[in-house]
Amino acid sequence: KDAIVLDFFAGSGTTFEATVHLNKMDGGNRKCILVQKDESTWEEKDGTKVPRKGSQNAYDAGYMSIFDICKARVEKVCENNLQEKDGTKYPCCRFCYIPCTQ
């Protein structure tokens, strides 16, 4: 219940969501570290941005990178999983983004 979950290929952030839900179910205090390379959902062809293979839906939804998808999911999970203490509601999770360079 006090594990640190490390996901080096975070993708859309499903591991984070599962960790938050598991903590909620059993009262755990697991931490989750996600690592996601900033891979674009588009490529340039003849001077025009076009969706990469398998990225059409994400691109159409406005996500320009896999990181953007993951970030949106993490934020939504935190918004939708509130805890209450002394009459005040607050997110059950905290997150920060640390940019990495190659």
C-alpha atoms as a PDB file:
ATOM      1  CA  LYS A   1       0.000   0.000   0.000  1.00  0.00           C
ATOM      2  CA  ASP A   2       3.013   2.321   0.241  1.00  0.00           C
ATOM      3  CA  ALA A   3       4.719   1.359  -3.011  1.00  0.00           C
ATOM      4  CA  ILE A   4       6.301   3.639  -5.566  1.00  0.00           C
ATOM      5  CA  VAL A   5       5.028   2.757  -9.029  1.00  0.00           C
ATOM      6  CA  LEU A   6       7.399   3.670 -11.854  1.00  0.00           C
ATOM      7  CA  ASP A   7       6.215   3.698 -15.463  1.00  0.00           C
ATOM      8  CA  PHE A   8       8.928   4.585 -17.982  1.00  0.00           C
ATOM      9  CA  PHE A   9       6.501   4.444 -20.912  1.00  0.00           C
ATOM     10  CA  ALA A  10       3.554   6.393 -19.522  1.00  0.00           C
ATOM     11  CA  GLY A  11       1.694   6.764 -22.809  1.00  0.00           C
ATOM     12  CA  SER A  12      -1.810   7.974 -22.019  1.00  0.00           C
ATOM     13  CA  GLY A  13      -1.367   7.709 -18.234  1.00  0.00           C
ATOM     14  CA  THR A  14      -3.382   4.571 -17.494  1.00  0.00           C
ATOM     15  CA  THR A  15      -0.894   3.432 -14.829  1.00  0.00           C
ATOM     16  CA  PHE A  16      -1.385   6.700 -12.939  1.00  0.00           C
ATOM     17  CA  GLU A  17      -5.155   6.366 -13.106  1.00  0.00           C
ATOM     18  CA  ALA A  18      -5.009   2.761 -11.894  1.00  0.00           C
ATOM     19  CA  THR A  19      -2.733   3.751  -8.997  1.00  0.00           C
ATOM     20  CA  VAL A  20      -5.088   6.527  -7.882  1.00  0.00           C
ATOM     21  CA  HIS A  21      -8.099   4.199  -8.049  1.00  0.00           C
ATOM     22  CA  LEU A  22      -6.297   1.437  -6.147  1.00  0.00           C
ATOM     23  CA  ASN A  23      -5.333   3.921  -3.413  1.00  0.00           C
ATOM     24  CA  LYS A  24      -8.949   5.039  -3.224  1.00  0.00           C
ATOM     25  CA  MET A  25     -10.213   1.447  -3.005  1.00  0.00           C
ATOM     26  CA  ASP A  26      -7.888   0.188  -0.279  1.00  0.00           C
ATOM     27  CA  GLY A  27      -6.737   3.363   1.474  1.00  0.00           C
ATOM     28  CA  GLY A  28      -3.203   2.983   0.148  1.00  0.00           C
ATOM     29  CA  ASN A  29      -0.610   5.694  -0.213  1.00  0.00           C
ATOM     30  CA  ARG A  30       1.115   4.612  -3.407  1.00  0.00           C
ATOM     31  CA  LYS A  31       3.139   7.161  -5.340  1.00  0.00           C
ATOM     32  CA  CYS A  32       3.362   7.044  -9.107  1.00  0.00           C
ATOM     33  CA  ILE A  33       6.202   8.325 -11.263  1.00  0.00           C
ATOM     34  CA  LEU A  34       5.500   8.587 -14.979  1.00  0.00           C
ATOM     35  CA  VAL A  35       8.097   9.118 -17.681  1.00  0.00           C
ATOM     36  CA  GLN A  36       6.971   9.998 -21.187  1.00  0.00           C
ATOM     37  CA  LYS A  37       9.110  11.200 -24.040  1.00  0.00           C
ATOM     38  CA  ASP A  38       7.534  14.152 -25.811  1.00  0.00           C
ATOM     39  CA  GLU A  39       6.612  12.234 -28.982  1.00  0.00           C
ATOM     40  CA  SER A  40       4.548  14.200 -31.447  1.00  0.00           C
ATOM     41  CA  THR A  41       1.250  12.934 -32.819  1.00  0.00           C
ATOM     42  CA  TRP A  42       2.034  14.537 -36.163  1.00  0.00           C
ATOM     43  CA  GLU A  43       4.731  14.707 -38.761  1.00  0.00           C
ATOM     44  CA  GLU A  44       5.450  17.153 -41.506  1.00  0.00           C
ATOM     45  CA  LYS A  45       4.804  16.162 -45.106  1.00  0.00           C
ATOM     46  CA  ASP A  46       5.228  18.640 -47.926  1.00  0.00           C
ATOM     47  CA  GLY A  47       5.255  21.509 -45.417  1.00  0.00           C
ATOM     48  CA  THR A  48       1.984  20.436 -43.788  1.00  0.00           C
ATOM     49  CA  LYS A  49       1.322  18.815 -40.399  1.00  0.00           C
ATOM     50  CA  VAL A  50      -0.378  15.450 -40.796  1.00  0.00           C
ATOM     51  CA  PRO A  51      -1.255  12.875 -38.129  1.00  0.00           C
ATOM     52  CA  ARG A  52       1.218  10.046 -37.567  1.00  0.00           C
ATOM     53  CA  LYS A  53      -0.001   6.505 -38.130  1.00  0.00           C
ATOM     54  CA  GLY A  54      -2.250   5.557 -35.199  1.00  0.00           C
ATOM     55  CA  SER A  55      -2.526   9.150 -33.942  1.00  0.00           C
ATOM     56  CA  GLN A  56      -5.462  10.455 -35.972  1.00  0.00           C
ATOM     57  CA  ASN A  57      -7.928  10.656 -33.059  1.00  0.00           C
ATOM     58  CA  ALA A  58      -5.432  12.293 -30.705  1.00  0.00           C
ATOM     59  CA  TYR A  59      -4.346  14.759 -33.373  1.00  0.00           C
ATOM     60  CA  ASP A  60      -7.958  15.615 -34.233  1.00  0.00           C
ATOM     61  CA  ALA A  61      -8.668  16.180 -30.522  1.00  0.00           C
ATOM     62  CA  GLY A  62      -5.871  18.751 -30.400  1.00  0.00           C
ATOM     63  CA  TYR A  63      -3.174  16.693 -28.696  1.00  0.00           C
ATOM     64  CA  MET A  64       0.117  17.551 -30.358  1.00  0.00           C
ATOM     65  CA  SER A  65       2.135  14.978 -28.398  1.00  0.00           C
ATOM     66  CA  ILE A  66       1.769  11.779 -26.376  1.00  0.00           C
ATOM     67  CA  PHE A  67       2.841  13.817 -23.337  1.00  0.00           C
ATOM     68  CA  ASP A  68      -0.156  16.142 -23.891  1.00  0.00           C
ATOM     69  CA  ILE A  69      -2.480  13.131 -23.765  1.00  0.00           C
ATOM     70  CA  CYS A  70      -0.885  11.861 -20.557  1.00  0.00           C
ATOM     71  CA  LYS A  71      -0.933  15.306 -18.919  1.00  0.00           C
ATOM     72  CA  ALA A  72      -4.623  15.784 -19.699  1.00  0.00           C
ATOM     73  CA  ARG A  73      -5.501  12.398 -18.210  1.00  0.00           C
ATOM     74  CA  VAL A  74      -3.479  12.988 -15.035  1.00  0.00           C
ATOM     75  CA  GLU A  75      -5.158  16.366 -14.517  1.00  0.00           C
ATOM     76  CA  LYS A  76      -8.632  14.920 -15.163  1.00  0.00           C
ATOM     77  CA  VAL A  77      -8.051  11.997 -12.769  1.00  0.00           C
ATOM     78  CA  CYS A  78      -7.001  14.422 -10.028  1.00  0.00           C
ATOM     79  CA  GLU A  79      -9.996  16.706 -10.681  1.00  0.00           C
ATOM     80  CA  ASN A  80     -12.416  13.768 -10.557  1.00  0.00           C
ATOM     81  CA  ASN A  81     -11.024  12.149  -7.409  1.00  0.00           C
ATOM     82  CA  LEU A  82     -11.524  14.615  -4.598  1.00  0.00           C
ATOM     83  CA  GLN A  83     -11.067  13.963  -0.899  1.00  0.00           C
ATOM     84  CA  GLU A  84     -12.776  15.865   1.870  1.00  0.00           C
ATOM     85  CA  LYS A  85     -11.160  17.008   5.086  1.00  0.00           C
ATOM     86  CA  ASP A  86     -12.733  19.433   7.558  1.00  0.00           C
ATOM     87  CA  GLY A  87     -15.420  20.313   5.012  1.00  0.00           C
ATOM     88  CA  THR A  88     -12.929  21.217   2.287  1.00  0.00           C
ATOM     89  CA  LYS A  89     -12.570  19.217  -0.909  1.00  0.00           C
ATOM     90  CA  TYR A  90      -9.150  18.834  -2.499  1.00  0.00           C
ATOM     91  CA  PRO A  91      -7.578  16.537  -5.124  1.00  0.00           C
ATOM     92  CA  CYS A  92      -6.424  13.167  -3.860  1.00  0.00           C
ATOM     93  CA  CYS A  93      -3.235  13.504  -5.858  1.00  0.00           C
ATOM     94  CA  ARG A  94      -0.527  16.002  -6.654  1.00  0.00           C
ATOM     95  CA  PHE A  95       1.620  16.153  -9.745  1.00  0.00           C
ATOM     96  CA  CYS A  96       4.413  18.107 -11.324  1.00  0.00           C
ATOM     97  CA  TYR A  97       6.012  18.062 -14.740  1.00  0.00           C
ATOM     98  CA  ILE A  98       9.752  17.958 -15.173  1.00  0.00           C
ATOM     99  CA  PRO A  99      10.907  18.498 -18.746  1.00  0.00           C
ATOM    100  CA  CYS A 100      13.696  16.238 -19.921  1.00  0.00           C
ATOM    101  CA  THR A 101      16.110  16.878 -22.719  1.00  0.00           C
ATOM    102  CA  GLN A 102      17.704  14.238 -24.875  1.00  0.00           C
END
